[in-house]
């Protein structure tokens, strides 16, 4: 009779472990208020236990200029590399007056954060040296990994 219970117990453990690997590792939600260029998010740990892409979603962003729907932010995700400088995984421009998603794909296991490299109205860009005196707000953001 002990063999019957051992098989049931092992079956339950295996089914629990298998079900856990099919789900995304994690996500978190927050907001940004009164940020400037160079704002960096909190750090998250992606253990790469799944095939889910790392995404940053901004909803209802505002740059403080009364220019309507042209608000955007250049955002990059950086991977921390122990004693070495962080690696920039690429910049995505999020036109986020309503909602926008930046997708960095399935990344390797490491600690990550996103940074707002630059933001502004449509007539402004970092390459033009356009200084934005206003602060940046995001009403709702989600990071999924």
N, C-alpha and C. Protein backbone atom coordinates (compact mmCIF):
# COMPACT_ATOMS: atom_id res chain seq x y z
N UNK A 1 0.81 -1.20 0.00
CA UNK A 1 0.00 0.00 0.00
C UNK A 1 0.86 1.26 0.00
N UNK A 2 2.02 1.21 0.56
CA UNK A 2 2.89 2.38 0.58
C UNK A 2 3.28 2.81 -0.83
N UNK A 3 3.43 1.86 -1.76
CA UNK A 3 3.80 2.20 -3.13
C UNK A 3 2.70 3.01 -3.81
N UNK A 4 1.45 2.72 -3.50
CA UNK A 4 0.33 3.44 -4.10
C UNK A 4 0.37 4.91 -3.68
N UNK A 5 0.60 5.17 -2.42
CA UNK A 5 0.65 6.55 -1.93
C UNK A 5 1.90 7.30 -2.43
N UNK A 6 3.00 6.59 -2.55
CA UNK A 6 4.23 7.20 -3.06
C UNK A 6 4.02 7.67 -4.50
N UNK A 7 3.37 6.87 -5.33
CA UNK A 7 3.10 7.24 -6.72
C UNK A 7 2.17 8.45 -6.82
N UNK A 8 1.15 8.48 -5.98
CA UNK A 8 0.23 9.63 -5.97
C UNK A 8 0.97 10.88 -5.53
N UNK A 9 1.77 10.76 -4.48
CA UNK A 9 2.52 11.90 -3.97
C UNK A 9 3.49 12.44 -5.03
N UNK A 10 4.25 11.58 -5.69
CA UNK A 10 5.18 12.01 -6.73
C UNK A 10 4.43 12.63 -7.92
N UNK A 11 3.29 12.05 -8.26
CA UNK A 11 2.48 12.61 -9.35
C UNK A 11 2.00 14.02 -9.04
N UNK A 12 1.58 14.26 -7.81
CA UNK A 12 1.14 15.60 -7.42
C UNK A 12 2.28 16.61 -7.46
N UNK A 13 3.43 16.21 -6.99
CA UNK A 13 4.59 17.11 -7.00
C UNK A 13 4.99 17.43 -8.44
N UNK A 14 5.07 16.43 -9.30
CA UNK A 14 5.44 16.68 -10.70
C UNK A 14 4.44 17.56 -11.41
N UNK A 15 3.16 17.34 -11.18
CA UNK A 15 2.15 18.17 -11.85
C UNK A 15 2.22 19.61 -11.35
N UNK A 16 2.52 19.81 -10.08
CA UNK A 16 2.66 21.16 -9.55
C UNK A 16 3.87 21.86 -10.16
N UNK A 17 4.99 21.17 -10.27
CA UNK A 17 6.20 21.76 -10.84
C UNK A 17 6.02 22.06 -12.32
N UNK A 18 5.39 21.19 -13.06
CA UNK A 18 5.18 21.40 -14.49
C UNK A 18 4.24 22.56 -14.74
N UNK A 19 3.22 22.71 -13.96
CA UNK A 19 2.27 23.82 -14.13
C UNK A 19 2.94 25.15 -13.85
N UNK A 20 3.85 25.19 -12.91
CA UNK A 20 4.53 26.44 -12.54
C UNK A 20 5.43 26.97 -13.64
N UNK A 21 6.00 26.11 -14.48
CA UNK A 21 6.91 26.57 -15.52
C UNK A 21 6.18 27.17 -16.71
N UNK A 22 4.91 26.94 -16.85
CA UNK A 22 4.16 27.47 -17.99
C UNK A 22 3.73 28.92 -17.79
N UNK A 23 3.85 29.44 -16.60
CA UNK A 23 3.40 30.79 -16.30
C UNK A 23 4.56 31.78 -16.40
N UNK A 24 4.22 33.03 -16.66
CA UNK A 24 5.23 34.08 -16.68
C UNK A 24 5.85 34.22 -15.29
N UNK A 25 7.10 34.60 -15.28
CA UNK A 25 7.80 34.74 -13.99
C UNK A 25 7.22 35.84 -13.13
N UNK A 26 6.95 36.98 -13.75
CA UNK A 26 6.45 38.06 -12.91
C UNK A 26 6.12 39.32 -13.66
N UNK A 27 5.55 40.24 -12.93
CA UNK A 27 5.25 41.57 -13.43
C UNK A 27 5.01 42.47 -12.23
N UNK A 28 5.09 43.76 -12.47
CA UNK A 28 4.72 44.71 -11.44
C UNK A 28 4.15 45.95 -12.09
N UNK A 29 3.32 46.62 -11.36
CA UNK A 29 2.71 47.85 -11.83
C UNK A 29 3.10 49.01 -10.92
N UNK A 30 3.10 50.20 -11.50
CA UNK A 30 3.44 51.37 -10.72
C UNK A 30 3.02 52.62 -11.49
N UNK A 31 3.56 53.76 -11.14
CA UNK A 31 3.35 55.01 -11.85
C UNK A 31 4.62 55.84 -11.71
N UNK A 32 4.75 56.89 -12.50
CA UNK A 32 5.89 57.79 -12.42
C UNK A 32 5.34 59.19 -12.26
N UNK A 33 5.88 59.92 -11.32
CA UNK A 33 5.44 61.29 -11.08
C UNK A 33 6.65 62.21 -10.97
N UNK A 34 6.64 63.24 -11.78
CA UNK A 34 7.64 64.30 -11.70
C UNK A 34 9.07 63.80 -11.94
N UNK A 35 9.24 62.93 -12.94
CA UNK A 35 10.55 62.38 -13.26
C UNK A 35 11.26 63.24 -14.29
N UNK A 36 12.55 63.11 -14.35
CA UNK A 36 13.36 63.79 -15.35
C UNK A 36 14.07 62.78 -16.22
N UNK A 37 14.81 63.28 -17.22
CA UNK A 37 15.63 62.40 -18.05
C UNK A 37 16.59 61.64 -17.15
N UNK A 38 16.77 60.36 -17.43
CA UNK A 38 17.66 59.54 -16.62
C UNK A 38 16.98 58.81 -15.47
N UNK A 39 15.67 59.02 -15.31
CA UNK A 39 14.92 58.30 -14.27
C UNK A 39 15.09 56.79 -14.47
N UNK A 40 15.41 56.07 -13.41
CA UNK A 40 15.56 54.62 -13.47
C UNK A 40 14.57 53.94 -12.55
N UNK A 41 13.95 52.88 -13.04
CA UNK A 41 12.95 52.13 -12.28
C UNK A 41 13.61 51.30 -11.19
N UNK A 42 12.78 50.64 -10.42
CA UNK A 42 13.28 49.66 -9.47
C UNK A 42 13.84 48.47 -10.26
N UNK A 43 14.65 47.67 -9.63
CA UNK A 43 15.26 46.50 -10.26
C UNK A 43 14.34 45.30 -10.13
N UNK A 44 14.34 44.44 -11.15
CA UNK A 44 13.63 43.16 -11.06
C UNK A 44 14.58 42.05 -11.49
N UNK A 45 14.28 40.83 -11.06
CA UNK A 45 15.11 39.67 -11.38
C UNK A 45 14.35 38.77 -12.33
N UNK A 46 14.93 38.59 -13.52
CA UNK A 46 14.38 37.64 -14.49
C UNK A 46 15.26 36.40 -14.42
N UNK A 47 14.68 35.29 -14.02
CA UNK A 47 15.43 34.04 -13.89
C UNK A 47 15.45 33.25 -15.19
N UNK A 48 14.79 33.77 -16.21
CA UNK A 48 14.69 33.14 -17.53
C UNK A 48 14.16 31.71 -17.42
N UNK A 49 13.16 31.53 -16.57
CA UNK A 49 12.55 30.22 -16.37
C UNK A 49 11.39 29.99 -17.34
N UNK A 50 11.19 30.93 -18.25
CA UNK A 50 10.09 30.83 -19.21
C UNK A 50 10.54 31.45 -20.54
N UNK A 51 9.64 31.57 -21.47
CA UNK A 51 9.94 32.19 -22.77
C UNK A 51 9.15 33.47 -22.95
N UNK A 52 8.85 34.16 -21.86
CA UNK A 52 8.05 35.38 -21.91
C UNK A 52 8.96 36.57 -22.17
N UNK A 53 8.54 37.44 -23.08
CA UNK A 53 9.30 38.64 -23.41
C UNK A 53 9.26 39.64 -22.25
N UNK A 54 10.31 40.44 -22.16
CA UNK A 54 10.35 41.55 -21.21
C UNK A 54 9.71 42.75 -21.88
N UNK A 55 8.64 43.27 -21.27
CA UNK A 55 7.94 44.42 -21.83
C UNK A 55 7.76 45.51 -20.78
N UNK A 56 7.76 46.75 -21.25
CA UNK A 56 7.46 47.91 -20.42
C UNK A 56 6.30 48.62 -21.09
N UNK A 57 5.19 48.79 -20.36
CA UNK A 57 3.99 49.44 -20.89
C UNK A 57 3.75 50.73 -20.13
N UNK A 58 3.65 51.83 -20.87
CA UNK A 58 3.28 53.13 -20.29
C UNK A 58 1.87 53.46 -20.74
N UNK A 59 1.03 53.87 -19.82
CA UNK A 59 -0.33 54.35 -20.14
C UNK A 59 -0.47 55.77 -19.60
N UNK A 60 -1.04 56.62 -20.39
CA UNK A 60 -1.32 58.03 -20.04
C UNK A 60 -0.08 58.78 -19.56
N UNK A 61 0.91 58.90 -20.45
CA UNK A 61 2.08 59.68 -20.08
C UNK A 61 1.88 61.14 -20.48
N UNK A 62 2.50 62.03 -19.72
CA UNK A 62 2.42 63.47 -19.98
C UNK A 62 3.79 64.09 -19.75
N UNK A 63 4.18 65.00 -20.66
CA UNK A 63 5.49 65.64 -20.54
C UNK A 63 5.41 67.06 -20.01
N UNK A 64 4.24 67.51 -19.61
CA UNK A 64 4.10 68.84 -19.04
C UNK A 64 3.89 69.95 -20.04
N UNK A 65 4.01 69.64 -21.32
CA UNK A 65 3.77 70.62 -22.38
C UNK A 65 2.36 70.40 -22.90
N UNK A 66 1.61 71.46 -23.09
CA UNK A 66 0.22 71.32 -23.56
C UNK A 66 0.20 71.07 -25.07
N UNK A 67 0.71 69.91 -25.47
CA UNK A 67 0.80 69.62 -26.90
C UNK A 67 -0.07 68.43 -27.32
N UNK A 68 -0.92 67.99 -26.44
CA UNK A 68 -1.86 66.94 -26.83
C UNK A 68 -1.26 65.56 -26.93
N UNK A 69 -1.53 64.89 -28.03
CA UNK A 69 -1.28 63.46 -28.14
C UNK A 69 0.13 63.09 -28.60
N UNK A 70 1.05 64.01 -28.66
CA UNK A 70 2.38 63.68 -29.18
C UNK A 70 3.40 63.34 -28.08
N UNK A 71 2.97 63.08 -26.88
CA UNK A 71 3.91 62.78 -25.79
C UNK A 71 4.57 61.42 -26.00
N UNK A 72 5.87 61.38 -25.75
CA UNK A 72 6.64 60.15 -25.95
C UNK A 72 7.78 60.09 -24.95
N UNK A 73 8.34 58.88 -24.83
CA UNK A 73 9.53 58.68 -24.00
C UNK A 73 10.42 57.65 -24.68
N UNK A 74 11.72 57.92 -24.71
CA UNK A 74 12.71 56.93 -25.15
C UNK A 74 13.14 56.16 -23.91
N UNK A 75 12.89 54.86 -23.93
CA UNK A 75 13.11 54.01 -22.76
C UNK A 75 14.07 52.89 -23.14
N UNK A 76 15.02 52.60 -22.28
CA UNK A 76 15.85 51.42 -22.51
C UNK A 76 15.85 50.54 -21.27
N UNK A 77 16.02 49.24 -21.52
CA UNK A 77 16.16 48.27 -20.45
C UNK A 77 17.64 47.96 -20.33
N UNK A 78 18.12 47.93 -19.09
CA UNK A 78 19.53 47.60 -18.88
C UNK A 78 19.65 46.35 -18.03
N UNK A 79 20.66 45.54 -18.39
CA UNK A 79 20.96 44.30 -17.67
C UNK A 79 22.19 44.56 -16.81
N UNK A 80 22.09 44.27 -15.52
CA UNK A 80 23.22 44.44 -14.61
C UNK A 80 24.12 43.22 -14.70
N UNK A 81 25.43 43.46 -14.79
CA UNK A 81 26.41 42.40 -15.03
C UNK A 81 27.44 42.30 -13.92
N UNK A 82 27.00 42.07 -12.72
CA UNK A 82 27.86 41.93 -11.56
C UNK A 82 28.82 43.09 -11.44
N UNK A 83 30.10 42.88 -11.65
CA UNK A 83 31.11 43.92 -11.46
C UNK A 83 31.31 44.79 -12.69
N UNK A 84 30.68 44.44 -13.81
CA UNK A 84 30.86 45.17 -15.06
C UNK A 84 29.74 46.20 -15.22
N UNK A 85 29.96 47.18 -16.09
CA UNK A 85 28.89 48.16 -16.33
C UNK A 85 27.62 47.49 -16.88
N UNK A 86 26.49 48.08 -16.61
CA UNK A 86 25.21 47.55 -17.10
C UNK A 86 25.19 47.59 -18.63
N UNK A 87 24.51 46.63 -19.23
CA UNK A 87 24.38 46.54 -20.68
C UNK A 87 23.03 47.12 -21.10
N UNK A 88 23.06 48.07 -22.03
CA UNK A 88 21.85 48.67 -22.58
C UNK A 88 21.31 47.72 -23.65
N UNK A 89 20.08 47.25 -23.48
CA UNK A 89 19.48 46.29 -24.42
C UNK A 89 18.75 46.97 -25.59
N UNK A 90 18.85 48.28 -25.68
CA UNK A 90 18.25 48.99 -26.81
C UNK A 90 17.14 49.93 -26.38
N UNK A 91 17.03 51.04 -27.12
CA UNK A 91 16.03 52.07 -26.82
C UNK A 91 14.78 51.84 -27.64
N UNK A 92 13.65 51.98 -27.00
CA UNK A 92 12.33 51.93 -27.66
C UNK A 92 11.65 53.27 -27.42
N UNK A 93 11.08 53.84 -28.47
CA UNK A 93 10.32 55.08 -28.31
C UNK A 93 8.86 54.70 -28.04
N UNK A 94 8.34 55.14 -26.90
CA UNK A 94 6.96 54.85 -26.53
C UNK A 94 6.12 56.11 -26.70
N UNK A 95 5.24 56.11 -27.70
CA UNK A 95 4.27 57.19 -27.88
C UNK A 95 3.11 56.86 -26.95
N UNK A 96 3.15 57.41 -25.76
CA UNK A 96 2.37 56.87 -24.65
C UNK A 96 1.28 57.80 -24.14
N UNK A 97 0.81 58.73 -24.96
CA UNK A 97 -0.28 59.60 -24.49
C UNK A 97 -1.45 58.74 -24.03
N UNK A 98 -1.79 57.71 -24.81
CA UNK A 98 -2.80 56.74 -24.39
C UNK A 98 -2.13 55.50 -23.82
N UNK A 99 -1.41 54.76 -24.67
CA UNK A 99 -0.74 53.54 -24.22
C UNK A 99 0.30 53.12 -25.26
N UNK A 100 1.43 52.60 -24.79
CA UNK A 100 2.47 52.09 -25.67
C UNK A 100 3.26 51.00 -24.95
N UNK A 101 3.75 50.03 -25.73
CA UNK A 101 4.49 48.91 -25.18
C UNK A 101 5.86 48.83 -25.84
N UNK A 102 6.91 48.73 -25.03
CA UNK A 102 8.25 48.42 -25.52
C UNK A 102 8.53 46.96 -25.25
N UNK A 103 9.02 46.23 -26.26
CA UNK A 103 9.25 44.80 -26.13
C UNK A 103 10.72 44.51 -26.39
N UNK A 104 11.41 43.94 -25.40
CA UNK A 104 12.82 43.62 -25.53
C UNK A 104 13.05 42.13 -25.74
N UNK A 105 12.00 41.36 -25.95
CA UNK A 105 12.13 39.93 -26.20
C UNK A 105 12.45 39.13 -24.95
N UNK A 106 12.71 37.86 -25.13
CA UNK A 106 13.05 36.95 -24.03
C UNK A 106 14.52 37.17 -23.68
N UNK A 107 14.78 37.68 -22.51
CA UNK A 107 16.14 38.04 -22.11
C UNK A 107 16.75 36.95 -21.22
N UNK A 108 18.06 36.99 -21.09
CA UNK A 108 18.76 35.99 -20.26
C UNK A 108 18.56 36.29 -18.78
N UNK A 109 18.92 35.33 -17.96
CA UNK A 109 18.76 35.46 -16.50
C UNK A 109 19.70 36.54 -15.97
N UNK A 110 19.14 37.52 -15.28
CA UNK A 110 19.93 38.62 -14.70
C UNK A 110 19.00 39.57 -13.96
N UNK A 111 19.58 40.62 -13.39
CA UNK A 111 18.83 41.72 -12.79
C UNK A 111 18.67 42.81 -13.85
N UNK A 112 17.49 43.44 -13.88
CA UNK A 112 17.17 44.43 -14.90
C UNK A 112 16.51 45.66 -14.29
N UNK A 113 16.53 46.76 -15.03
CA UNK A 113 15.77 47.97 -14.72
C UNK A 113 15.56 48.70 -16.04
N UNK A 114 14.58 49.60 -16.08
CA UNK A 114 14.44 50.45 -17.26
C UNK A 114 14.79 51.87 -16.89
N UNK A 115 15.22 52.63 -17.88
CA UNK A 115 15.59 54.02 -17.70
C UNK A 115 14.91 54.87 -18.77
N UNK A 116 14.37 56.01 -18.36
CA UNK A 116 13.86 56.98 -19.32
C UNK A 116 15.06 57.78 -19.81
N UNK A 117 15.45 57.53 -21.04
CA UNK A 117 16.61 58.21 -21.61
C UNK A 117 16.28 59.66 -21.94
N UNK A 118 15.11 59.87 -22.52
CA UNK A 118 14.69 61.21 -22.92
C UNK A 118 13.19 61.19 -23.15
N UNK A 119 12.54 62.33 -23.04
CA UNK A 119 11.11 62.43 -23.30
C UNK A 119 10.81 63.81 -23.84
N UNK A 120 9.65 63.95 -24.43
CA UNK A 120 9.31 65.28 -24.90
C UNK A 120 8.17 65.30 -25.89
N UNK A 121 7.87 66.49 -26.40
CA UNK A 121 6.86 66.65 -27.44
C UNK A 121 7.44 66.25 -28.79
N UNK A 122 6.59 66.15 -29.80
CA UNK A 122 7.00 65.69 -31.13
C UNK A 122 8.11 66.56 -31.73
N UNK A 123 8.15 67.83 -31.42
CA UNK A 123 9.13 68.74 -32.02
C UNK A 123 10.50 68.68 -31.35
N UNK A 124 10.66 67.83 -30.37
CA UNK A 124 11.89 67.80 -29.57
C UNK A 124 12.54 66.43 -29.67
N UNK A 125 13.85 66.37 -29.66
CA UNK A 125 14.56 65.10 -29.57
C UNK A 125 15.92 65.32 -28.92
N UNK A 126 16.47 64.27 -28.40
CA UNK A 126 17.76 64.36 -27.72
C UNK A 126 18.85 64.80 -28.69
N UNK A 127 18.79 64.31 -29.94
CA UNK A 127 19.83 64.63 -30.92
C UNK A 127 19.83 66.10 -31.31
N UNK A 128 18.69 66.79 -31.17
CA UNK A 128 18.62 68.22 -31.47
C UNK A 128 19.06 69.07 -30.28
N UNK A 129 19.33 68.46 -29.16
CA UNK A 129 19.73 69.20 -27.99
C UNK A 129 18.61 70.03 -27.39
N UNK A 130 17.38 69.60 -27.60
CA UNK A 130 16.20 70.31 -27.12
C UNK A 130 16.02 70.03 -25.62
N UNK A 131 16.27 71.02 -24.81
CA UNK A 131 16.12 70.84 -23.36
C UNK A 131 14.65 70.90 -22.97
N UNK A 132 14.19 69.92 -22.26
CA UNK A 132 12.80 69.89 -21.83
C UNK A 132 12.74 70.33 -20.36
N UNK A 133 12.21 71.52 -20.08
CA UNK A 133 12.19 72.01 -18.70
C UNK A 133 11.10 71.38 -17.86
N UNK A 134 10.23 70.60 -18.48
CA UNK A 134 9.10 70.02 -17.76
C UNK A 134 9.45 68.64 -17.22
N UNK A 135 8.66 68.17 -16.30
CA UNK A 135 8.85 66.85 -15.72
C UNK A 135 7.91 65.86 -16.41
N UNK A 136 8.20 64.58 -16.23
CA UNK A 136 7.49 63.52 -16.95
C UNK A 136 6.66 62.69 -15.98
N UNK A 137 5.42 62.40 -16.36
CA UNK A 137 4.51 61.58 -15.56
C UNK A 137 3.97 60.43 -16.38
N UNK A 138 3.81 59.28 -15.75
CA UNK A 138 3.11 58.14 -16.34
C UNK A 138 2.05 57.71 -15.35
N UNK A 139 0.80 57.78 -15.76
CA UNK A 139 -0.30 57.46 -14.86
C UNK A 139 -0.33 56.00 -14.43
N UNK A 140 0.09 55.10 -15.33
CA UNK A 140 0.05 53.67 -15.04
C UNK A 140 1.13 53.01 -15.88
N UNK A 141 1.95 52.20 -15.25
CA UNK A 141 2.96 51.44 -16.01
C UNK A 141 2.96 50.01 -15.53
N UNK A 142 3.33 49.10 -16.44
CA UNK A 142 3.45 47.68 -16.12
C UNK A 142 4.74 47.17 -16.72
N UNK A 143 5.50 46.44 -15.94
CA UNK A 143 6.67 45.72 -16.42
C UNK A 143 6.35 44.23 -16.30
N UNK A 144 6.50 43.50 -17.41
CA UNK A 144 6.27 42.05 -17.41
C UNK A 144 7.55 41.37 -17.85
N UNK A 145 7.87 40.25 -17.23
CA UNK A 145 9.10 39.53 -17.56
C UNK A 145 8.93 38.04 -17.32
